Structure formats: C-alpha cells, structure tokens
Amino acid sequence: MAQQLGMDHVYRNGEESNRYAYVESLGGGLATLDFDRDGWFDLFFPGGGSIPNDTALQPLPGTLWRN
C-alpha cells in the first residue's frame, strides 16, 4: 500500500559500513501527529544518521507525509 501511495522512505543508521555504535543500535520509529491541525493524522519518519569518523553524528533528514 505504501508504494501505491507514493511513500518511499529508507531509514539509514550507518550499519551499512559495519559500524555499530549507539545510533546503529536504535530503530527509526514512526510518529503519528496532526501536524497541520486538519483533524487527520500525518506521519513522520526520522531519517537516522551515521558517525562516519567517530567524531560527529551526520544526521539525515526525516520525512513528513501530510494526510
């Protein structure tokens, strides 16, 4: 159903590079909220991130789908 609605989102946590730190151990999750206050739930998917060089988190953008 998500494909039919055009919803395409991939959560990235740095695991692809075989790095296992705090960020990699947590899942992405999903938030339901009425972002635009129209009475319908909207969906927010966090983007995740990675720590490529052990010094700073490199965040990725989240995605908001308004219903």
Protein backbone atom coordinates (compact mmCIF):
# COMPACT_ATOMS: atom_id res chain seq x y z
CA MET A 1 0.00 0.00 0.00
CA ALA A 2 2.85 2.41 0.77
CA GLN A 3 4.15 2.13 -2.79
CA GLN A 4 0.68 2.80 -4.19
CA LEU A 5 0.52 5.99 -2.12
CA GLY A 6 3.99 7.11 -3.23
CA MET A 7 5.51 6.70 0.22
CA ASP A 8 9.19 5.84 -0.18
CA HIS A 9 11.45 6.16 2.85
CA VAL A 10 14.60 4.30 3.90
CA TYR A 11 15.95 4.65 7.42
CA ARG A 12 19.75 4.75 7.48
CA ASN A 13 21.73 4.18 10.66
CA GLY A 14 25.30 3.61 9.46
CA GLU A 15 25.12 -0.16 9.72
CA GLU A 16 25.95 -0.48 6.00
CA SER A 17 29.56 0.42 6.79
CA ASN A 18 29.73 -2.19 9.61
CA ARG A 19 29.84 0.49 12.27
CA TYR A 20 27.94 -0.39 15.42
CA ALA A 21 27.59 2.49 17.86
CA TYR A 22 24.67 3.97 19.79
CA VAL A 23 22.99 5.34 16.66
CA GLU A 24 23.14 1.95 14.95
CA SER A 25 21.53 0.14 17.88
CA LEU A 26 18.29 2.14 17.74
CA GLY A 27 15.47 1.76 15.27
CA GLY A 28 13.91 4.59 13.34
CA GLY A 29 10.38 4.58 14.65
CA LEU A 30 7.35 6.46 13.40
CA ALA A 31 5.36 9.37 14.78
CA THR A 32 1.69 10.00 14.11
CA LEU A 33 0.50 13.52 14.76
CA ASP A 34 -1.88 16.11 13.38
CA PHE A 35 0.90 18.36 12.06
CA ASP A 36 -1.33 20.71 10.09
CA ARG A 37 -4.25 20.57 12.55
CA ASP A 38 -6.78 19.47 9.95
CA GLY A 39 -8.18 16.60 12.04
CA TRP A 40 -6.26 13.88 10.14
CA PHE A 41 -3.15 12.10 11.37
CA ASP A 42 0.06 12.82 9.48
CA LEU A 43 3.15 10.55 9.52
CA PHE A 44 6.73 11.45 10.40
CA PHE A 45 9.63 9.08 9.75
CA PRO A 46 13.01 10.07 11.24
CA GLY A 47 15.95 9.92 8.85
CA GLY A 48 18.58 8.44 11.13
CA GLY A 49 22.24 9.17 10.66
CA SER A 50 25.73 7.79 10.97
CA ILE A 51 29.01 8.52 12.70
CA PRO A 52 31.49 8.20 9.83
CA ASN A 53 34.70 9.18 11.63
CA ASP A 54 33.97 8.66 15.35
CA THR A 55 33.78 12.41 15.97
CA ALA A 56 30.42 13.77 14.88
CA LEU A 57 26.97 12.49 14.07
CA GLN A 58 25.98 13.07 10.47
CA PRO A 59 22.17 13.35 10.60
CA LEU A 60 19.89 12.51 7.71
CA PRO A 61 16.61 14.34 7.04
CA GLY A 62 13.32 12.93 8.23
CA THR A 63 10.20 12.73 6.07
CA LEU A 64 6.76 14.15 6.85
CA TRP A 65 3.70 12.89 4.97
CA ARG A 66 0.70 15.12 5.41
CA ASN A 67 -2.68 13.42 5.12
